[in-house]
PDB file of all heavy atoms in Angstrom:
ATOM      1  N   ASN A   1       0.866  -1.178   0.000  1.00  0.00           N
ATOM      2  CA  ASN A   1       0.000   0.000   0.000  1.00  0.00           C
ATOM      3  C   ASN A   1       0.901   1.227   0.000  1.00  0.00           C
ATOM      4  O   ASN A   1       1.517   1.566   1.005  1.00  0.00           O
ATOM      5  CB  ASN A   1      -0.928  -0.011   1.214  1.00  0.00           C
ATOM      6  CG  ASN A   1      -2.033   1.006   1.095  1.00  0.00           C
ATOM      7  OD1 ASN A   1      -2.223   1.611   0.047  1.00  0.00           O
ATOM      8  ND2 ASN A   1      -2.779   1.215   2.172  1.00  0.00           N
ATOM      9  N   THR A   2       0.968   1.900  -1.129  1.00  0.00           N
ATOM     10  CA  THR A   2       2.013   2.890  -1.386  1.00  0.00           C
ATOM     11  C   THR A   2       1.612   4.305  -1.008  1.00  0.00           C
ATOM     12  O   THR A   2       0.443   4.650  -0.912  1.00  0.00           O
ATOM     13  CB  THR A   2       2.384   2.897  -2.878  1.00  0.00           C
ATOM     14  OG1 THR A   2       1.203   3.220  -3.632  1.00  0.00           O
ATOM     15  CG2 THR A   2       2.916   1.548  -3.308  1.00  0.00           C
ATOM     16  N   CYS A   3       2.635   5.139  -0.846  1.00  0.00           N
ATOM     17  CA  CYS A   3       2.467   6.578  -0.658  1.00  0.00           C
ATOM     18  C   CYS A   3       3.073   7.274  -1.867  1.00  0.00           C
ATOM     19  O   CYS A   3       4.177   6.924  -2.297  1.00  0.00           O
ATOM     20  CB  CYS A   3       3.159   7.028   0.627  1.00  0.00           C
ATOM     21  SG  CYS A   3       3.048   8.813   0.933  1.00  0.00           S
ATOM     22  N   GLY A   4       2.366   8.273  -2.402  1.00  0.00           N
ATOM     23  CA  GLY A   4       2.889   9.009  -3.547  1.00  0.00           C
ATOM     24  C   GLY A   4       2.892  10.491  -3.315  1.00  0.00           C
ATOM     25  O   GLY A   4       2.785  11.286  -4.250  1.00  0.00           O
ATOM     26  N   PHE A   5       3.035  10.899  -2.055  1.00  0.00           N
ATOM     27  CA  PHE A   5       2.841  12.295  -1.675  1.00  0.00           C
ATOM     28  C   PHE A   5       4.039  13.164  -2.024  1.00  0.00           C
ATOM     29  O   PHE A   5       3.908  14.207  -2.648  1.00  0.00           O
ATOM     30  CB  PHE A   5       2.519  12.367  -0.190  1.00  0.00           C
ATOM     31  CG  PHE A   5       2.209  13.756   0.307  1.00  0.00           C
ATOM     32  CD1 PHE A   5       1.364  14.585  -0.408  1.00  0.00           C
ATOM     33  CD2 PHE A   5       2.764  14.228   1.475  1.00  0.00           C
ATOM     34  CE1 PHE A   5       1.068  15.871   0.034  1.00  0.00           C
ATOM     35  CE2 PHE A   5       2.485  15.506   1.941  1.00  0.00           C
ATOM     36  CZ  PHE A   5       1.635  16.325   1.214  1.00  0.00           C
ATOM     37  N   ILE A   6       5.238  12.769  -1.597  1.00  0.00           N
ATOM     38  CA  ILE A   6       6.447  13.529  -1.887  1.00  0.00           C
ATOM     39  C   ILE A   6       7.509  12.580  -2.427  1.00  0.00           C
ATOM     40  O   ILE A   6       7.362  11.360  -2.352  1.00  0.00           O
ATOM     41  CB  ILE A   6       6.978  14.280  -0.644  1.00  0.00           C
ATOM     42  CG1 ILE A   6       7.289  13.298   0.497  1.00  0.00           C
ATOM     43  CG2 ILE A   6       5.982  15.343  -0.193  1.00  0.00           C
ATOM     44  CD1 ILE A   6       7.920  13.960   1.705  1.00  0.00           C
ATOM     45  N   ASP A   7       8.592  13.143  -2.945  1.00  0.00           N
ATOM     46  CA  ASP A   7       9.609  12.330  -3.617  1.00  0.00           C
ATOM     47  C   ASP A   7      10.161  11.220  -2.737  1.00  0.00           C
ATOM     48  O   ASP A   7      10.315  10.076  -3.182  1.00  0.00           O
ATOM     49  CB  ASP A   7      10.760  13.219  -4.096  1.00  0.00           C
ATOM     50  CG  ASP A   7      10.447  13.891  -5.426  1.00  0.00           C
ATOM     51  OD1 ASP A   7       9.511  13.430  -6.107  1.00  0.00           O
ATOM     52  OD2 ASP A   7      11.128  14.877  -5.771  1.00  0.00           O
ATOM     53  N   ASP A   8      10.500  11.539  -1.479  1.00  0.00           N
ATOM     54  CA  ASP A   8      11.073  10.529  -0.596  1.00  0.00           C
ATOM     55  C   ASP A   8      10.110   9.364  -0.391  1.00  0.00           C
ATOM     56  O   ASP A   8      10.517   8.193  -0.363  1.00  0.00           O
ATOM     57  CB  ASP A   8      11.444  11.136   0.764  1.00  0.00           C
ATOM     58  CG  ASP A   8      12.682  12.009   0.689  1.00  0.00           C
ATOM     59  OD1 ASP A   8      13.377  11.962  -0.346  1.00  0.00           O
ATOM     60  OD2 ASP A   8      12.965  12.745   1.660  1.00  0.00           O
ATOM     61  N   ALA A   9       8.815   9.684  -0.241  1.00  0.00           N
ATOM     62  CA  ALA A   9       7.808   8.637  -0.044  1.00  0.00           C
ATOM     63  C   ALA A   9       7.651   7.801  -1.309  1.00  0.00           C
ATOM     64  O   ALA A   9       7.509   6.566  -1.243  1.00  0.00           O
ATOM     65  CB  ALA A   9       6.480   9.261   0.348  1.00  0.00           C
ATOM     66  N   LYS A  10       7.673   8.461  -2.465  1.00  0.00           N
ATOM     67  CA  LYS A  10       7.565   7.721  -3.724  1.00  0.00           C
ATOM     68  C   LYS A  10       8.758   6.796  -3.909  1.00  0.00           C
ATOM     69  O   LYS A  10       8.610   5.634  -4.332  1.00  0.00           O
ATOM     70  CB  LYS A  10       7.459   8.695  -4.902  1.00  0.00           C
ATOM     71  CG  LYS A  10       6.097   9.356  -5.013  1.00  0.00           C
ATOM     72  CD  LYS A  10       5.975  10.196  -6.266  1.00  0.00           C
ATOM     73  CE  LYS A  10       6.678  11.515  -6.141  1.00  0.00           C
ATOM     74  NZ  LYS A  10       6.413  12.432  -7.273  1.00  0.00           N
ATOM     75  N   LYS A  11       9.940   7.298  -3.592  1.00  0.00           N
ATOM     76  CA  LYS A  11      11.154   6.473  -3.733  1.00  0.00           C
ATOM     77  C   LYS A  11      11.085   5.255  -2.818  1.00  0.00           C
ATOM     78  O   LYS A  11      11.431   4.127  -3.229  1.00  0.00           O
ATOM     79  CB  LYS A  11      12.397   7.301  -3.415  1.00  0.00           C
ATOM     80  CG  LYS A  11      13.701   6.540  -3.619  1.00  0.00           C
ATOM     81  CD  LYS A  11      14.909   7.409  -3.314  1.00  0.00           C
ATOM     82  CE  LYS A  11      16.200   6.670  -3.621  1.00  0.00           C
ATOM     83  NZ  LYS A  11      16.315   5.375  -2.922  1.00  0.00           N
ATOM     84  N   GLU A  12      10.629   5.464  -1.581  1.00  0.00           N
ATOM     85  CA  GLU A  12      10.498   4.329  -0.665  1.00  0.00           C
ATOM     86  C   GLU A  12       9.523   3.298  -1.224  1.00  0.00           C
ATOM     87  O   GLU A  12       9.785   2.091  -1.183  1.00  0.00           O
ATOM     88  CB  GLU A  12      10.030   4.821   0.705  1.00  0.00           C
ATOM     89  CG  GLU A  12       9.894   3.697   1.732  1.00  0.00           C
ATOM     90  CD  GLU A  12       9.287   4.145   3.045  1.00  0.00           C
ATOM     91  OE1 GLU A  12       8.628   5.211   3.076  1.00  0.00           O
ATOM     92  OE2 GLU A  12       9.443   3.417   4.044  1.00  0.00           O
ATOM     93  N   SER A  13       8.400   3.763  -1.755  1.00  0.00           N
ATOM     94  CA  SER A  13       7.409   2.851  -2.319  1.00  0.00           C
ATOM     95  C   SER A  13       7.986   2.073  -3.494  1.00  0.00           C
ATOM     96  O   SER A  13       7.841   0.847  -3.582  1.00  0.00           O
ATOM     97  CB  SER A  13       6.167   3.638  -2.773  1.00  0.00           C
ATOM     98  OG  SER A  13       5.490   4.212  -1.682  1.00  0.00           O
ATOM     99  N   ILE A  14       8.666   2.792  -4.407  1.00  0.00           N
ATOM    100  CA  ILE A  14       9.249   2.136  -5.587  1.00  0.00           C
ATOM    101  C   ILE A  14      10.300   1.109  -5.173  1.00  0.00           C
ATOM    102  O   ILE A  14      10.363  -0.005  -5.724  1.00  0.00           O
ATOM    103  CB  ILE A  14       9.873   3.184  -6.540  1.00  0.00           C
ATOM    104  CG1 ILE A  14       8.793   4.083  -7.139  1.00  0.00           C
ATOM    105  CG2 ILE A  14      10.686   2.501  -7.630  1.00  0.00           C
ATOM    106  CD1 ILE A  14       7.919   3.441  -8.161  1.00  0.00           C
ATOM    107  N   ASP A  15      11.138   1.468  -4.198  1.00  0.00           N
ATOM    108  CA  ASP A  15      12.178   0.539  -3.735  1.00  0.00           C
ATOM    109  C   ASP A  15      11.561  -0.768  -3.231  1.00  0.00           C
ATOM    110  O   ASP A  15      12.052  -1.863  -3.532  1.00  0.00           O
ATOM    111  CB  ASP A  15      13.021   1.182  -2.627  1.00  0.00           C
ATOM    112  CG  ASP A  15      13.960   2.258  -3.158  1.00  0.00           C
ATOM    113  OD1 ASP A  15      14.148   2.329  -4.384  1.00  0.00           O
ATOM    114  OD2 ASP A  15      14.501   3.028  -2.335  1.00  0.00           O
ATOM    115  N   HIS A  16      10.481  -0.656  -2.452  1.00  0.00           N
ATOM    116  CA  HIS A  16       9.825  -1.867  -1.939  1.00  0.00           C
ATOM    117  C   HIS A  16       9.169  -2.657  -3.063  1.00  0.00           C
ATOM    118  O   HIS A  16       9.227  -3.896  -3.080  1.00  0.00           O
ATOM    119  CB  HIS A  16       8.780  -1.494  -0.882  1.00  0.00           C
ATOM    120  CG  HIS A  16       9.366  -1.162   0.459  1.00  0.00           C
ATOM    121  ND1 HIS A  16       9.977  -2.109   1.266  1.00  0.00           N
ATOM    122  CD2 HIS A  16       9.435   0.009   1.139  1.00  0.00           C
ATOM    123  CE1 HIS A  16      10.387  -1.530   2.382  1.00  0.00           C
ATOM    124  NE2 HIS A  16      10.078  -0.247   2.323  1.00  0.00           N
ATOM    125  N   ILE A  17       8.563  -1.961  -4.018  1.00  0.00           N
ATOM    126  CA  ILE A  17       7.939  -2.669  -5.148  1.00  0.00           C
ATOM    127  C   ILE A  17       8.988  -3.441  -5.940  1.00  0.00           C
ATOM    128  O   ILE A  17       8.793  -4.615  -6.294  1.00  0.00           O
ATOM    129  CB  ILE A  17       7.204  -1.669  -6.066  1.00  0.00           C
ATOM    130  CG1 ILE A  17       5.999  -1.058  -5.346  1.00  0.00           C
ATOM    131  CG2 ILE A  17       6.722  -2.373  -7.344  1.00  0.00           C
ATOM    132  CD1 ILE A  17       5.380   0.111  -6.073  1.00  0.00           C
ATOM    133  N   LEU A  18      10.120  -2.795  -6.206  1.00  0.00           N
ATOM    134  CA  LEU A  18      11.181  -3.470  -6.977  1.00  0.00           C
ATOM    135  C   LEU A  18      11.747  -4.659  -6.219  1.00  0.00           C
ATOM    136  O   LEU A  18      12.072  -5.699  -6.814  1.00  0.00           O
ATOM    137  CB  LEU A  18      12.292  -2.469  -7.309  1.00  0.00           C
ATOM    138  CG  LEU A  18      11.913  -1.358  -8.298  1.00  0.00           C
ATOM    139  CD1 LEU A  18      13.041  -0.350  -8.431  1.00  0.00           C
ATOM    140  CD2 LEU A  18      11.548  -1.952  -9.660  1.00  0.00           C
ATOM    141  N   GLU A  19      11.859  -4.514  -4.898  1.00  0.00           N
ATOM    142  CA  GLU A  19      12.364  -5.617  -4.081  1.00  0.00           C
ATOM    143  C   GLU A  19      11.440  -6.831  -4.175  1.00  0.00           C
ATOM    144  O   GLU A  19      11.885  -7.965  -4.354  1.00  0.00           O
ATOM    145  CB  GLU A  19      12.474  -5.142  -2.632  1.00  0.00           C
ATOM    146  CG  GLU A  19      13.113  -6.146  -1.681  1.00  0.00           C
ATOM    147  CD  GLU A  19      13.205  -5.596  -0.267  1.00  0.00           C
ATOM    148  OE1 GLU A  19      12.753  -4.453  -0.013  1.00  0.00           O
ATOM    149  OE2 GLU A  19      13.716  -6.316   0.591  1.00  0.00           O
ATOM    150  N   VAL A  20      10.136  -6.578  -4.074  1.00  0.00           N
ATOM    151  CA  VAL A  20       9.175  -7.694  -4.143  1.00  0.00           C
ATOM    152  C   VAL A  20       9.024  -8.185  -5.583  1.00  0.00           C
ATOM    153  O   VAL A  20       8.811  -9.378  -5.815  1.00  0.00           O
ATOM    154  CB  VAL A  20       7.818  -7.269  -3.547  1.00  0.00           C
ATOM    155  CG1 VAL A  20       6.807  -8.401  -3.656  1.00  0.00           C
ATOM    156  CG2 VAL A  20       7.983  -6.868  -2.079  1.00  0.00           C
ATOM    157  N   ALA A  21       9.165  -7.288  -6.570  1.00  0.00           N
ATOM    158  CA  ALA A  21       9.097  -7.701  -7.975  1.00  0.00           C
ATOM    159  C   ALA A  21      10.186  -8.725  -8.288  1.00  0.00           C
ATOM    160  O   ALA A  21       9.972  -9.649  -9.096  1.00  0.00           O
ATOM    161  CB  ALA A  21       9.238  -6.486  -8.890  1.00  0.00           C
ATOM    162  N   LYS A  22      11.336  -8.577  -7.652  1.00  0.00           N
ATOM    163  CA  LYS A  22      12.414  -9.546  -7.846  1.00  0.00           C
ATOM    164  C   LYS A  22      11.990 -10.919  -7.329  1.00  0.00           C
ATOM    165  O   LYS A  22      12.240 -11.950  -7.972  1.00  0.00           O
ATOM    166  CB  LYS A  22      13.679  -9.071  -7.122  1.00  0.00           C
ATOM    167  CG  LYS A  22      14.916  -9.916  -7.408  1.00  0.00           C
ATOM    168  CD  LYS A  22      16.146  -9.389  -6.680  1.00  0.00           C
ATOM    169  CE  LYS A  22      16.564  -8.034  -7.204  1.00  0.00           C
ATOM    170  NZ  LYS A  22      17.823  -7.568  -6.559  1.00  0.00           N
ATOM    171  N   LEU A  23      11.329 -10.942  -6.160  1.00  0.00           N
ATOM    172  CA  LEU A  23      10.815 -12.208  -5.633  1.00  0.00           C
ATOM    173  C   LEU A  23       9.780 -12.808  -6.581  1.00  0.00           C
ATOM    174  O   LEU A  23       9.733 -14.023  -6.783  1.00  0.00           O
ATOM    175  CB  LEU A  23      10.174 -11.991  -4.250  1.00  0.00           C
ATOM    176  CG  LEU A  23      11.064 -11.454  -3.129  1.00  0.00           C
ATOM    177  CD1 LEU A  23      10.239 -11.242  -1.859  1.00  0.00           C
ATOM    178  CD2 LEU A  23      12.223 -12.403  -2.845  1.00  0.00           C
ATOM    179  N   ARG A  24       8.962 -11.929  -7.167  1.00  0.00           N
ATOM    180  CA  ARG A  24       7.931 -12.396  -8.114  1.00  0.00           C
ATOM    181  C   ARG A  24       8.573 -12.998  -9.350  1.00  0.00           C
ATOM    182  O   ARG A  24       8.153 -14.065  -9.829  1.00  0.00           O
ATOM    183  CB  ARG A  24       7.045 -11.195  -8.499  1.00  0.00           C
ATOM    184  CG  ARG A  24       5.962 -11.519  -9.536  1.00  0.00           C
ATOM    185  CD  ARG A  24       4.855 -12.332  -8.928  1.00  0.00           C
ATOM    186  NE  ARG A  24       3.776 -12.547  -9.892  1.00  0.00           N
ATOM    187  CZ  ARG A  24       3.697 -13.592 -10.710  1.00  0.00           C
ATOM    188  NH1 ARG A  24       4.640 -14.524 -10.714  1.00  0.00           N
ATOM    189  NH2 ARG A  24       2.670 -13.708 -11.538  1.00  0.00           N
TER     190      ARG A  24
END
């Protein structure tokens, strides 16, 4: 469940998505 409010929050969300995408 992502946050897209500011750059730092977006980067954190993208980092977690990419980490789990690798598992996928």
